[in-house]
PDB file of N, CA and C in Angstrom:
ATOM      1  N   MET A   1     -76.021  -5.588  34.035  1.00  0.00           N
ATOM      2  CA  MET A   1     -74.542  -5.770  34.088  1.00  0.00           C
ATOM      3  C   MET A   1     -74.100  -7.280  34.266  1.00  0.00           C
ATOM      4  N   LEU A   2     -73.182  -7.795  33.406  1.00  0.00           N
ATOM      5  CA  LEU A   2     -72.848  -9.247  33.808  1.00  0.00           C
ATOM      6  C   LEU A   2     -71.588  -9.425  34.176  1.00  0.00           C
ATOM      7  N   LYS A   3     -71.350 -10.262  35.128  1.00  0.00           N
ATOM      8  CA  LYS A   3     -70.229 -10.741  35.654  1.00  0.00           C
ATOM      9  C   LYS A   3     -69.981 -11.856  36.177  1.00  0.00           C
ATOM     10  N   PHE A   4     -68.564 -12.199  36.019  1.00  0.00           N
ATOM     11  CA  PHE A   4     -68.513 -13.858  36.009  1.00  0.00           C
ATOM     12  C   PHE A   4     -67.097 -14.057  37.420  1.00  0.00           C
ATOM     13  N   THR A   5     -67.166 -15.389  37.782  1.00  0.00           N
ATOM     14  CA  THR A   5     -66.292 -15.651  38.952  1.00  0.00           C
ATOM     15  C   THR A   5     -65.437 -16.389  38.330  1.00  0.00           C
ATOM     16  N   GLU A   6     -64.290 -16.923  39.082  1.00  0.00           N
ATOM     17  CA  GLU A   6     -63.162 -18.033  38.589  1.00  0.00           C
ATOM     18  C   GLU A   6     -63.413 -18.997  38.901  1.00  0.00           C
ATOM     19  N   GLU A   7     -64.800 -19.486  39.746  1.00  0.00           N
ATOM     20  CA  GLU A   7     -65.199 -20.444  39.585  1.00  0.00           C
ATOM     21  C   GLU A   7     -66.295 -20.980  38.631  1.00  0.00           C
ATOM     22  N   HIS A   8     -66.325 -20.112  37.687  1.00  0.00           N
ATOM     23  CA  HIS A   8     -67.152 -20.429  36.498  1.00  0.00           C
ATOM     24  C   HIS A   8     -68.825 -20.077  36.958  1.00  0.00           C
ATOM     25  N   GLU A   9     -69.089 -19.427  37.770  1.00  0.00           N
ATOM     26  CA  GLU A   9     -70.297 -18.620  37.951  1.00  0.00           C
ATOM     27  C   GLU A   9     -70.915 -17.150  37.113  1.00  0.00           C
ATOM     28  N   TRP A  10     -71.885 -16.937  36.640  1.00  0.00           N
ATOM     29  CA  TRP A  10     -72.130 -15.575  36.147  1.00  0.00           C
ATOM     30  C   TRP A  10     -72.944 -15.188  36.881  1.00  0.00           C
ATOM     31  N   LEU A  11     -73.065 -13.606  36.767  1.00  0.00           N
ATOM     32  CA  LEU A  11     -74.023 -13.121  37.399  1.00  0.00           C
ATOM     33  C   LEU A  11     -74.649 -11.877  36.900  1.00  0.00           C
ATOM     34  N   LYS A  12     -75.788 -12.102  36.397  1.00  0.00           N
ATOM     35  CA  LYS A  12     -76.715 -10.610  35.845  1.00  0.00           C
ATOM     36  C   LYS A  12     -77.121  -9.736  37.233  1.00  0.00           C
ATOM     37  N   ILE A  13     -76.547  -8.575  37.204  1.00  0.00           N
ATOM     38  CA  ILE A  13     -76.957  -7.861  38.365  1.00  0.00           C
ATOM     39  C   ILE A  13     -78.376  -6.523  37.746  1.00  0.00           C
ATOM     40  N   GLU A  14     -79.271  -6.620  38.481  1.00  0.00           N
ATOM     41  CA  GLU A  14     -80.283  -5.690  38.250  1.00  0.00           C
ATOM     42  C   GLU A  14     -80.610  -5.274  39.559  1.00  0.00           C
ATOM     43  N   ALA A  15     -80.907  -4.119  39.919  1.00  0.00           N
ATOM     44  CA  ALA A  15     -81.137  -3.311  40.857  1.00  0.00           C
ATOM     45  C   ALA A  15     -81.053  -4.085  42.279  1.00  0.00           C
ATOM     46  N   GLY A  16     -79.437  -4.428  42.508  1.00  0.00           N
ATOM     47  CA  GLY A  16     -79.049  -4.987  43.731  1.00  0.00           C
ATOM     48  C   GLY A  16     -79.477  -6.752  44.028  1.00  0.00           C
ATOM     49  N   VAL A  17     -79.719  -7.173  42.919  1.00  0.00           N
ATOM     50  CA  VAL A  17     -80.383  -8.351  42.829  1.00  0.00           C
ATOM     51  C   VAL A  17     -79.627  -9.129  41.798  1.00  0.00           C
ATOM     52  N   ALA A  18     -78.730 -10.365  41.805  1.00  0.00           N
ATOM     53  CA  ALA A  18     -78.195 -10.912  41.172  1.00  0.00           C
ATOM     54  C   ALA A  18     -78.800 -12.596  40.817  1.00  0.00           C
ATOM     55  N   THR A  19     -78.986 -12.451  39.510  1.00  0.00           N
ATOM     56  CA  THR A  19     -79.362 -13.783  38.808  1.00  0.00           C
ATOM     57  C   THR A  19     -78.194 -14.378  38.589  1.00  0.00           C
ATOM     58  N   VAL A  20     -77.869 -16.059  39.292  1.00  0.00           N
ATOM     59  CA  VAL A  20     -76.852 -16.431  39.383  1.00  0.00           C
ATOM     60  C   VAL A  20     -76.866 -18.126  38.634  1.00  0.00           C
ATOM     61  N   GLY A  21     -75.834 -18.321  37.821  1.00  0.00           N
ATOM     62  CA  GLY A  21     -75.958 -19.398  37.173  1.00  0.00           C
ATOM     63  C   GLY A  21     -74.526 -20.064  37.044  1.00  0.00           C
ATOM     64  N   ILE A  22     -74.347 -21.236  36.243  1.00  0.00           N
ATOM     65  CA  ILE A  22     -73.039 -21.657  36.111  1.00  0.00           C
ATOM     66  C   ILE A  22     -72.811 -21.005  34.727  1.00  0.00           C
ATOM     67  N   THR A  23     -71.636 -20.895  34.168  1.00  0.00           N
ATOM     68  CA  THR A  23     -71.292 -20.525  32.519  1.00  0.00           C
ATOM     69  C   THR A  23     -71.283 -21.648  31.893  1.00  0.00           C
ATOM     70  N   THR A  24     -71.489 -21.041  30.460  1.00  0.00           N
ATOM     71  CA  THR A  24     -71.507 -22.395  29.506  1.00  0.00           C
ATOM     72  C   THR A  24     -70.153 -22.965  29.243  1.00  0.00           C
ATOM     73  N   HIS A  25     -69.251 -22.656  29.793  1.00  0.00           N
ATOM     74  CA  HIS A  25     -67.614 -23.467  30.120  1.00  0.00           C
ATOM     75  C   HIS A  25     -68.039 -24.173  31.120  1.00  0.00           C
ATOM     76  N   ALA A  26     -68.805 -24.281  32.357  1.00  0.00           N
ATOM     77  CA  ALA A  26     -68.809 -24.989  33.275  1.00  0.00           C
ATOM     78  C   ALA A  26     -69.751 -25.988  32.732  1.00  0.00           C
ATOM     79  N   ALA A  27     -70.891 -25.628  32.002  1.00  0.00           N
ATOM     80  CA  ALA A  27     -72.092 -26.697  31.604  1.00  0.00           C
ATOM     81  C   ALA A  27     -71.136 -27.613  30.503  1.00  0.00           C
ATOM     82  N   GLU A  28     -70.433 -27.324  29.772  1.00  0.00           N
ATOM     83  CA  GLU A  28     -69.808 -28.271  28.912  1.00  0.00           C
ATOM     84  C   GLU A  28     -68.661 -29.265  29.559  1.00  0.00           C
ATOM     85  N   GLN A  29     -67.830 -28.529  30.621  1.00  0.00           N
ATOM     86  CA  GLN A  29     -67.080 -29.542  31.023  1.00  0.00           C
ATOM     87  C   GLN A  29     -67.785 -30.564  32.201  1.00  0.00           C
ATOM     88  N   LEU A  30     -68.858 -30.248  32.562  1.00  0.00           N
ATOM     89  CA  LEU A  30     -69.367 -31.140  33.475  1.00  0.00           C
ATOM     90  C   LEU A  30     -70.328 -32.036  32.613  1.00  0.00           C
ATOM     91  N   GLY A  31     -70.552 -31.902  31.232  1.00  0.00           N
ATOM     92  CA  GLY A  31     -71.587 -32.753  30.720  1.00  0.00           C
ATOM     93  C   GLY A  31     -73.129 -32.735  31.152  1.00  0.00           C
ATOM     94  N   ASP A  32     -73.550 -33.790  30.630  1.00  0.00           N
ATOM     95  CA  ASP A  32     -74.947 -33.775  30.812  1.00  0.00           C
ATOM     96  C   ASP A  32     -75.470 -34.010  32.479  1.00  0.00           C
ATOM     97  N   LEU A  33     -76.236 -32.869  32.723  1.00  0.00           N
ATOM     98  CA  LEU A  33     -76.718 -32.927  34.058  1.00  0.00           C
ATOM     99  C   LEU A  33     -77.987 -33.632  34.430  1.00  0.00           C
ATOM    100  N   VAL A  34     -77.844 -34.459  35.783  1.00  0.00           N
ATOM    101  CA  VAL A  34     -78.798 -35.380  36.124  1.00  0.00           C
ATOM    102  C   VAL A  34     -79.553 -34.889  37.235  1.00  0.00           C
ATOM    103  N   PHE A  35     -79.053 -33.999  38.026  1.00  0.00           N
ATOM    104  CA  PHE A  35     -79.281 -33.786  39.173  1.00  0.00           C
ATOM    105  C   PHE A  35     -78.998 -32.404  39.523  1.00  0.00           C
ATOM    106  N   VAL A  36     -79.757 -31.643  40.005  1.00  0.00           N
ATOM    107  CA  VAL A  36     -79.278 -30.178  40.570  1.00  0.00           C
ATOM    108  C   VAL A  36     -80.302 -29.962  41.768  1.00  0.00           C
ATOM    109  N   GLU A  37     -79.698 -29.476  42.806  1.00  0.00           N
ATOM    110  CA  GLU A  37     -79.995 -29.180  44.332  1.00  0.00           C
ATOM    111  C   GLU A  37     -79.791 -27.543  44.593  1.00  0.00           C
ATOM    112  N   LEU A  38     -80.717 -27.225  44.927  1.00  0.00           N
ATOM    113  CA  LEU A  38     -80.842 -25.648  45.161  1.00  0.00           C
ATOM    114  C   LEU A  38     -81.115 -25.111  46.641  1.00  0.00           C
ATOM    115  N   PRO A  39     -80.253 -23.870  47.064  1.00  0.00           N
ATOM    116  CA  PRO A  39     -80.548 -23.243  48.428  1.00  0.00           C
ATOM    117  C   PRO A  39     -82.039 -22.939  48.708  1.00  0.00           C
ATOM    118  N   GLU A  40     -82.441 -22.916  50.187  1.00  0.00           N
ATOM    119  CA  GLU A  40     -83.763 -22.531  50.432  1.00  0.00           C
ATOM    120  C   GLU A  40     -83.929 -20.997  50.292  1.00  0.00           C
ATOM    121  N   VAL A  41     -84.923 -20.732  49.513  1.00  0.00           N
ATOM    122  CA  VAL A  41     -85.275 -19.363  49.548  1.00  0.00           C
ATOM    123  C   VAL A  41     -85.094 -18.758  51.170  1.00  0.00           C
ATOM    124  N   GLY A  42     -84.593 -17.608  51.552  1.00  0.00           N
ATOM    125  CA  GLY A  42     -84.295 -16.924  52.516  1.00  0.00           C
ATOM    126  C   GLY A  42     -83.351 -17.216  53.143  1.00  0.00           C
ATOM    127  N   SER A  43     -82.515 -18.341  52.969  1.00  0.00           N
ATOM    128  CA  SER A  43     -81.158 -18.710  53.225  1.00  0.00           C
ATOM    129  C   SER A  43     -79.738 -17.286  52.964  1.00  0.00           C
ATOM    130  N   THR A  44     -79.097 -17.048  53.572  1.00  0.00           N
ATOM    131  CA  THR A  44     -78.116 -16.323  53.468  1.00  0.00           C
ATOM    132  C   THR A  44     -76.762 -17.060  53.477  1.00  0.00           C
ATOM    133  N   PHE A  45     -75.758 -16.482  52.489  1.00  0.00           N
ATOM    134  CA  PHE A  45     -74.467 -17.014  52.226  1.00  0.00           C
ATOM    135  C   PHE A  45     -73.353 -15.840  52.202  1.00  0.00           C
ATOM    136  N   GLU A  46     -72.335 -16.543  52.462  1.00  0.00           N
ATOM    137  CA  GLU A  46     -71.083 -15.634  52.508  1.00  0.00           C
ATOM    138  C   GLU A  46     -70.476 -15.558  50.938  1.00  0.00           C
ATOM    139  N   LYS A  47     -69.676 -14.936  50.329  1.00  0.00           N
ATOM    140  CA  LYS A  47     -69.215 -15.290  49.192  1.00  0.00           C
ATOM    141  C   LYS A  47     -68.211 -16.400  49.533  1.00  0.00           C
ATOM    142  N   GLY A  48     -68.038 -17.245  48.362  1.00  0.00           N
ATOM    143  CA  GLY A  48     -67.517 -18.691  48.232  1.00  0.00           C
ATOM    144  C   GLY A  48     -68.363 -19.912  49.074  1.00  0.00           C
ATOM    145  N   GLY A  49     -69.424 -19.293  50.011  1.00  0.00           N
ATOM    146  CA  GLY A  49     -70.023 -20.700  50.201  1.00  0.00           C
ATOM    147  C   GLY A  49     -70.943 -21.557  49.336  1.00  0.00           C
ATOM    148  N   ASP A  50     -70.883 -22.983  49.751  1.00  0.00           N
ATOM    149  CA  ASP A  50     -71.574 -23.898  48.866  1.00  0.00           C
ATOM    150  C   ASP A  50     -73.109 -23.503  48.812  1.00  0.00           C
ATOM    151  N   ALA A  51     -73.500 -23.068  47.747  1.00  0.00           N
ATOM    152  CA  ALA A  51     -75.210 -22.505  47.595  1.00  0.00           C
ATOM    153  C   ALA A  51     -75.731 -23.847  46.876  1.00  0.00           C
ATOM    154  N   ALA A  52     -75.348 -24.520  45.870  1.00  0.00           N
ATOM    155  CA  ALA A  52     -76.042 -25.385  44.949  1.00  0.00           C
ATOM    156  C   ALA A  52     -75.347 -26.355  44.768  1.00  0.00           C
ATOM    157  N   THR A  53     -75.760 -27.879  44.379  1.00  0.00           N
ATOM    158  CA  THR A  53     -74.978 -28.843  44.002  1.00  0.00           C
ATOM    159  C   THR A  53     -75.741 -29.107  42.616  1.00  0.00           C
ATOM    160  N   VAL A  54     -74.736 -29.720  41.984  1.00  0.00           N
ATOM    161  CA  VAL A  54     -74.930 -30.314  40.671  1.00  0.00           C
ATOM    162  C   VAL A  54     -74.446 -31.415  40.432  1.00  0.00           C
ATOM    163  N   GLU A  55     -74.770 -32.464  39.695  1.00  0.00           N
ATOM    164  CA  GLU A  55     -74.590 -33.974  39.184  1.00  0.00           C
ATOM    165  C   GLU A  55     -74.573 -34.043  37.822  1.00  0.00           C
ATOM    166  N   SER A  56     -73.358 -34.569  37.369  1.00  0.00           N
ATOM    167  CA  SER A  56     -73.722 -34.888  35.645  1.00  0.00           C
ATOM    168  C   SER A  56     -73.345 -36.621  35.705  1.00  0.00           C
ATOM    169  N   VAL A  57     -73.515 -36.692  34.757  1.00  0.00           N
ATOM    170  CA  VAL A  57     -72.846 -38.370  34.392  1.00  0.00           C
ATOM    171  C   VAL A  57     -71.394 -38.665  34.530  1.00  0.00           C
ATOM    172  N   LYS A  58     -70.864 -37.121  34.788  1.00  0.00           N
ATOM    173  CA  LYS A  58     -69.040 -37.431  35.009  1.00  0.00           C
ATOM    174  C   LYS A  58     -68.929 -37.384  36.402  1.00  0.00           C
ATOM    175  N   ALA A  59     -69.339 -36.547  37.095  1.00  0.00           N
ATOM    176  CA  ALA A  59     -68.852 -35.808  38.445  1.00  0.00           C
ATOM    177  C   ALA A  59     -70.190 -34.925  39.147  1.00  0.00           C
ATOM    178  N   ALA A  60     -69.883 -34.727  40.223  1.00  0.00           N
ATOM    179  CA  ALA A  60     -70.714 -33.686  41.254  1.00  0.00           C
ATOM    180  C   ALA A  60     -69.919 -32.785  41.423  1.00  0.00           C
ATOM    181  N   SER A  61     -70.290 -31.529  41.685  1.00  0.00           N
ATOM    182  CA  SER A  61     -69.683 -30.514  41.539  1.00  0.00           C
ATOM    183  C   SER A  61     -70.622 -29.663  42.671  1.00  0.00           C
ATOM    184  N   ASP A  62     -70.028 -28.565  43.152  1.00  0.00           N
ATOM    185  CA  ASP A  62     -70.519 -27.377  44.175  1.00  0.00           C
ATOM    186  C   ASP A  62     -71.057 -26.126  43.333  1.00  0.00           C
ATOM    187  N   VAL A  63     -71.668 -25.006  43.563  1.00  0.00           N
ATOM    188  CA  VAL A  63     -72.020 -24.153  42.729  1.00  0.00           C
ATOM    189  C   VAL A  63     -72.023 -23.332  44.203  1.00  0.00           C
ATOM    190  N   TYR A  64     -70.952 -22.214  44.153  1.00  0.00           N
ATOM    191  CA  TYR A  64     -70.694 -21.418  44.939  1.00  0.00           C
ATOM    192  C   TYR A  64     -71.378 -20.122  45.098  1.00  0.00           C
ATOM    193  N   CYS A  65     -71.365 -19.203  46.021  1.00  0.00           N
ATOM    194  CA  CYS A  65     -72.536 -18.255  46.194  1.00  0.00           C
ATOM    195  C   CYS A  65     -71.231 -17.211  45.796  1.00  0.00           C
ATOM    196  N   PRO A  66     -71.445 -16.084  44.821  1.00  0.00           N
ATOM    197  CA  PRO A  66     -70.184 -15.524  44.303  1.00  0.00           C
ATOM    198  C   PRO A  66     -70.051 -14.250  45.306  1.00  0.00           C
ATOM    199  N   LEU A  67     -70.905 -13.800  45.841  1.00  0.00           N
ATOM    200  CA  LEU A  67     -71.121 -12.588  46.941  1.00  0.00           C
ATOM    201  C   LEU A  67     -71.989 -12.900  47.979  1.00  0.00           C
ATOM    202  N   ASP A  68     -71.903 -12.053  49.109  1.00  0.00           N
ATOM    203  CA  ASP A  68     -72.959 -12.247  50.280  1.00  0.00           C
ATOM    204  C   ASP A  68     -74.018 -11.718  49.658  1.00  0.00           C
ATOM    205  N   GLY A  69     -75.119 -12.571  50.403  1.00  0.00           N
ATOM    206  CA  GLY A  69     -76.574 -12.120  50.153  1.00  0.00           C
ATOM    207  C   GLY A  69     -77.309 -13.107  50.436  1.00  0.00           C
ATOM    208  N   GLU A  70     -78.466 -13.075  50.417  1.00  0.00           N
ATOM    209  CA  GLU A  70     -79.620 -13.485  50.519  1.00  0.00           C
ATOM    210  C   GLU A  70     -80.897 -14.200  49.617  1.00  0.00           C
ATOM    211  N   ILE A  71     -80.685 -15.347  49.556  1.00  0.00           N
ATOM    212  CA  ILE A  71     -81.594 -16.364  48.164  1.00  0.00           C
ATOM    213  C   ILE A  71     -83.218 -15.633  48.474  1.00  0.00           C
ATOM    214  N   VAL A  72     -83.154 -14.985  47.052  1.00  0.00           N
ATOM    215  CA  VAL A  72     -84.600 -14.273  47.179  1.00  0.00           C
ATOM    216  C   VAL A  72     -85.526 -15.368  46.178  1.00  0.00           C
ATOM    217  N   GLU A  73     -85.097 -16.223  45.417  1.00  0.00           N
ATOM    218  CA  GLU A  73     -85.641 -16.951  44.531  1.00  0.00           C
ATOM    219  C   GLU A  73     -84.930 -18.173  43.981  1.00  0.00           C
ATOM    220  N   VAL A  74     -85.430 -19.195  43.651  1.00  0.00           N
ATOM    221  CA  VAL A  74     -84.537 -20.520  42.902  1.00  0.00           C
ATOM    222  C   VAL A  74     -85.361 -20.802  41.796  1.00  0.00           C
ATOM    223  N   ASN A  75     -84.746 -21.603  40.599  1.00  0.00           N
ATOM    224  CA  ASN A  75     -85.405 -21.867  39.424  1.00  0.00           C
ATOM    225  C   ASN A  75     -85.572 -23.396  39.896  1.00  0.00           C
ATOM    226  N   GLU A  76     -86.904 -23.667  40.030  1.00  0.00           N
ATOM    227  CA  GLU A  76     -87.340 -25.126  40.277  1.00  0.00           C
ATOM    228  C   GLU A  76     -87.435 -25.646  39.077  1.00  0.00           C
ATOM    229  N   ALA A  77     -87.382 -25.028  37.834  1.00  0.00           N
ATOM    230  CA  ALA A  77     -87.786 -25.691  36.726  1.00  0.00           C
ATOM    231  C   ALA A  77     -86.251 -26.545  36.191  1.00  0.00           C
ATOM    232  N   ILE A  78     -85.107 -26.159  37.049  1.00  0.00           N
ATOM    233  CA  ILE A  78     -83.987 -26.795  36.485  1.00  0.00           C
ATOM    234  C   ILE A  78     -83.764 -27.949  37.465  1.00  0.00           C
ATOM    235  N   VAL A  79     -84.362 -28.259  38.527  1.00  0.00           N
ATOM    236  CA  VAL A  79     -84.767 -29.203  39.363  1.00  0.00           C
ATOM    237  C   VAL A  79     -85.537 -30.310  38.660  1.00  0.00           C
ATOM    238  N   ALA A  80     -86.526 -30.021  38.177  1.00  0.00           N
ATOM    239  CA  ALA A  80     -87.739 -30.941  37.229  1.00  0.00           C
ATOM    240  C   ALA A  80     -86.915 -31.469  36.156  1.00  0.00           C
ATOM    241  N   ASP A  81     -85.939 -30.333  35.630  1.00  0.00           N
ATOM    242  CA  ASP A  81     -85.602 -30.736  34.126  1.00  0.00           C
ATOM    243  C   ASP A  81     -83.828 -30.242  34.540  1.00  0.00           C
ATOM    244  N   PRO A  82     -82.632 -31.031  34.883  1.00  0.00           N
ATOM    245  CA  PRO A  82     -81.480 -30.294  35.095  1.00  0.00           C
ATOM    246  C   PRO A  82     -81.179 -30.205  33.374  1.00  0.00           C
ATOM    247  N   SER A  83     -81.333 -30.646  32.340  1.00  0.00           N
ATOM    248  CA  SER A  83     -80.732 -30.584  31.070  1.00  0.00           C
ATOM    249  C   SER A  83     -81.244 -29.136  30.333  1.00  0.00           C
ATOM    250  N   LEU A  84     -81.854 -28.377  31.239  1.00  0.00           N
ATOM    251  CA  LEU A  84     -82.091 -26.848  30.969  1.00  0.00           C
ATOM    252  C   LEU A  84     -80.707 -26.100  31.196  1.00  0.00           C
ATOM    253  N   VAL A  85     -80.147 -26.517  32.204  1.00  0.00           N
ATOM    254  CA  VAL A  85     -78.710 -26.051  32.541  1.00  0.00           C
ATOM    255  C   VAL A  85     -77.781 -26.074  31.106  1.00  0.00           C
ATOM    256  N   ASN A  86     -77.819 -27.474  30.769  1.00  0.00           N
ATOM    257  CA  ASN A  86     -76.855 -27.913  29.496  1.00  0.00           C
ATOM    258  C   ASN A  86     -77.270 -26.875  28.215  1.00  0.00           C
ATOM    259  N   SER A  87     -78.503 -26.469  27.997  1.00  0.00           N
ATOM    260  CA  SER A  87     -79.000 -26.140  27.133  1.00  0.00           C
ATOM    261  C   SER A  87     -79.217 -24.650  26.700  1.00  0.00           C
ATOM    262  N   ASP A  88     -79.455 -24.261  27.844  1.00  0.00           N
ATOM    263  CA  ASP A  88     -79.328 -22.617  27.983  1.00  0.00           C
ATOM    264  C   ASP A  88     -78.892 -21.991  29.329  1.00  0.00           C
ATOM    265  N   PRO A  89     -77.362 -22.712  29.686  1.00  0.00           N
ATOM    266  CA  PRO A  89     -77.030 -22.169  30.913  1.00  0.00           C
ATOM    267  C   PRO A  89     -76.662 -20.852  31.218  1.00  0.00           C
ATOM    268  N   GLN A  90     -76.643 -19.732  30.387  1.00  0.00           N
ATOM    269  CA  GLN A  90     -76.704 -18.171  30.734  1.00  0.00           C
ATOM    270  C   GLN A  90     -77.892 -17.712  30.243  1.00  0.00           C
ATOM    271  N   GLY A  91     -79.106 -18.571  30.288  1.00  0.00           N
ATOM    272  CA  GLY A  91     -80.380 -18.200  30.037  1.00  0.00           C
ATOM    273  C   GLY A  91     -81.614 -18.932  31.190  1.00  0.00           C
ATOM    274  N   ALA A  92     -81.995 -19.837  30.540  1.00  0.00           N
ATOM    275  CA  ALA A  92     -83.502 -20.258  31.112  1.00  0.00           C
ATOM    276  C   ALA A  92     -82.470 -21.526  32.395  1.00  0.00           C
ATOM    277  N   GLY A  93     -81.282 -21.684  32.179  1.00  0.00           N
ATOM    278  CA  GLY A  93     -81.057 -22.557  33.219  1.00  0.00           C
ATOM    279  C   GLY A  93     -80.143 -21.790  34.243  1.00  0.00           C
ATOM    280  N   TRP A  94     -80.859 -20.805  34.875  1.00  0.00           N
ATOM    281  CA  TRP A  94     -80.282 -20.140  35.869  1.00  0.00           C
ATOM    282  C   TRP A  94     -80.255 -21.028  37.589  1.00  0.00           C
ATOM    283  N   PHE A  95     -79.688 -20.452  38.217  1.00  0.00           N
ATOM    284  CA  PHE A  95     -80.025 -21.327  39.338  1.00  0.00           C
ATOM    285  C   PHE A  95     -80.616 -20.570  40.611  1.00  0.00           C
ATOM    286  N   PHE A  96     -80.019 -19.528  40.880  1.00  0.00           N
ATOM    287  CA  PHE A  96     -81.114 -18.662  42.038  1.00  0.00           C
ATOM    288  C   PHE A  96     -80.699 -17.226  42.015  1.00  0.00           C
ATOM    289  N   LYS A  97     -81.524 -16.256  42.675  1.00  0.00           N
ATOM    290  CA  LYS A  97     -81.405 -14.970  42.510  1.00  0.00           C
ATOM    291  C   LYS A  97     -80.945 -14.697  44.337  1.00  0.00           C
ATOM    292  N   LEU A  98     -80.027 -13.695  44.323  1.00  0.00           N
ATOM    293  CA  LEU A  98     -79.496 -13.283  45.296  1.00  0.00           C
ATOM    294  C   LEU A  98     -79.407 -11.639  45.644  1.00  0.00           C
ATOM    295  N   LYS A  99     -80.295 -11.622  46.729  1.00  0.00           N
ATOM    296  CA  LYS A  99     -80.242 -10.004  47.056  1.00  0.00           C
ATOM    297  C   LYS A  99     -79.004  -9.683  47.749  1.00  0.00           C
ATOM    298  N   LEU A 100     -78.188  -8.860  47.038  1.00  0.00           N
ATOM    299  CA  LEU A 100     -76.714  -8.670  47.601  1.00  0.00           C
ATOM    300  C   LEU A 100     -76.548  -7.634  48.633  1.00  0.00           C
ATOM    301  N   ALA A 101     -75.949  -8.309  49.546  1.00  0.00           N
ATOM    302  CA  ALA A 101     -75.392  -7.639  50.934  1.00  0.00           C
ATOM    303  C   ALA A 101     -74.886  -6.093  50.489  1.00  0.00           C
ATOM    304  N   ASN A 102     -74.213  -6.151  49.615  1.00  0.00           N
ATOM    305  CA  ASN A 102     -73.285  -4.994  49.309  1.00  0.00           C
ATOM    306  C   ASN A 102     -72.924  -5.216  47.410  1.00  0.00           C
ATOM    307  N   ALA A 103     -73.985  -4.383  46.670  1.00  0.00           N
ATOM    308  CA  ALA A 103     -73.981  -4.457  45.511  1.00  0.00           C
ATOM    309  C   ALA A 103     -72.524  -4.090  45.137  1.00  0.00           C
ATOM    310  N   ALA A 104     -72.051  -2.908  45.381  1.00  0.00           N
ATOM    311  CA  ALA A 104     -70.527  -2.617  44.982  1.00  0.00           C
ATOM    312  C   ALA A 104     -69.342  -3.569  45.267  1.00  0.00           C
ATOM    313  N   ASP A 105     -69.621  -5.082  45.737  1.00  0.00           N
ATOM    314  CA  ASP A 105     -68.807  -6.075  45.938  1.00  0.00           C
ATOM    315  C   ASP A 105     -68.517  -6.707  44.458  1.00  0.00           C
ATOM    316  N   ALA A 106     -69.922  -6.356  43.723  1.00  0.00           N
ATOM    317  CA  ALA A 106     -69.634  -7.184  42.445  1.00  0.00           C
ATOM    318  C   ALA A 106     -68.589  -6.171  41.455  1.00  0.00           C
ATOM    319  N   ASP A 107     -67.886  -5.154  41.527  1.00  0.00           N
ATOM    320  CA  ASP A 107     -66.866  -4.612  41.177  1.00  0.00           C
ATOM    321  C   ASP A 107     -65.798  -5.243  41.376  1.00  0.00           C
ATOM    322  N   GLY A 108     -65.498  -6.398  41.917  1.00  0.00           N
ATOM    323  CA  GLY A 108     -64.420  -7.017  42.199  1.00  0.00           C
ATOM    324  C   GLY A 108     -64.303  -8.495  41.369  1.00  0.00           C
ATOM    325  N   LEU A 109     -65.464  -8.468  40.737  1.00  0.00           N
ATOM    326  CA  LEU A 109     -65.619  -9.748  40.264  1.00  0.00           C
ATOM    327  C   LEU A 109     -65.044  -9.620  38.481  1.00  0.00           C
ATOM    328  N   LEU A 110     -65.060 -10.896  37.829  1.00  0.00           N
ATOM    329  CA  LEU A 110     -64.374 -10.702  36.411  1.00  0.00           C
ATOM    330  C   LEU A 110     -65.609  -9.974  35.198  1.00  0.00           C
ATOM    331  N   ASP A 111     -65.398  -9.162  34.703  1.00  0.00           N
ATOM    332  CA  ASP A 111     -66.068  -8.912  33.259  1.00  0.00           C
ATOM    333  C   ASP A 111     -65.938 -10.047  32.308  1.00  0.00           C
ATOM    334  N   GLU A 112     -66.878  -9.614  31.464  1.00  0.00           N
ATOM    335  CA  GLU A 112     -67.016 -10.880  30.252  1.00  0.00           C
ATOM    336  C   GLU A 112     -65.221 -11.273  29.487  1.00  0.00           C
ATOM    337  N   ALA A 113     -64.693 -10.060  29.375  1.00  0.00           N
ATOM    338  CA  ALA A 113     -63.435 -10.289  28.639  1.00  0.00           C
ATOM    339  C   ALA A 113     -62.380 -10.784  29.451  1.00  0.00           C
ATOM    340  N   ALA A 114     -62.623 -10.589  30.773  1.00  0.00           N
ATOM    341  CA  ALA A 114     -61.404 -11.222  31.467  1.00  0.00           C
ATOM    342  C   ALA A 114     -61.686 -12.637  31.998  1.00  0.00           C
ATOM    343  N   TYR A 115     -63.200 -13.056  31.986  1.00  0.00           N
ATOM    344  CA  TYR A 115     -63.548 -14.599  32.145  1.00  0.00           C
ATOM    345  C   TYR A 115     -63.225 -15.427  31.042  1.00  0.00           C
ATOM    346  N   LYS A 116     -63.204 -14.729  29.467  1.00  0.00           N
ATOM    347  CA  LYS A 116     -62.960 -15.371  28.557  1.00  0.00           C
ATOM    348  C   LYS A 116     -61.452 -15.615  28.146  1.00  0.00           C
ATOM    349  N   GLU A 117     -60.771 -14.758  28.967  1.00  0.00           N
ATOM    350  CA  GLU A 117     -59.415 -14.626  29.195  1.00  0.00           C
ATOM    351  C   GLU A 117     -58.966 -16.105  30.020  1.00  0.00           C
ATOM    352  N   LEU A 118     -59.517 -16.209  31.108  1.00  0.00           N
ATOM    353  CA  LEU A 118     -59.480 -17.159  32.089  1.00  0.00           C
ATOM    354  C   LEU A 118     -59.523 -18.722  31.227  1.00  0.00           C
ATOM    355  N   VAL A 119     -60.702 -18.631  30.906  1.00  0.00           N
ATOM    356  CA  VAL A 119     -60.793 -19.989  30.416  1.00  0.00           C
ATOM    357  C   VAL A 119     -60.407 -20.555  28.982  1.00  0.00           C
ATOM    358  N   GLY A 120     -59.619 -19.206  28.338  1.00  0.00           N
ATOM    359  CA  GLY A 120     -58.803 -19.265  26.865  1.00  0.00           C
ATOM    360  C   GLY A 120     -59.770 -19.928  26.061  1.00  0.00           C
TER     361      GLY A 120
END
């Protein structure tokens, strides 16, 4: 199941764990990323919490936690090579995996059609 937030994060949810990253739209708006800071494995976040930070040649931006949960894995590859987020934001450029506190909360997020409408 693929879901999106109004803050331009995507979630791919499998068995109560969401793989989270920024959308293609967000990556295009930011421009070339030069730095990524990820959360610690084992950290817990509430929906809307600042989970990660990205810096591009244009600006710095926070990546928000889309739902309540615990970080169970991070993608160290994007720390070593932030350009992965630009080249494959909804694939190899994922940020972290979040064990959802309540998987049903994902029902309140946007589906792909609603997200495309949001970004026009």
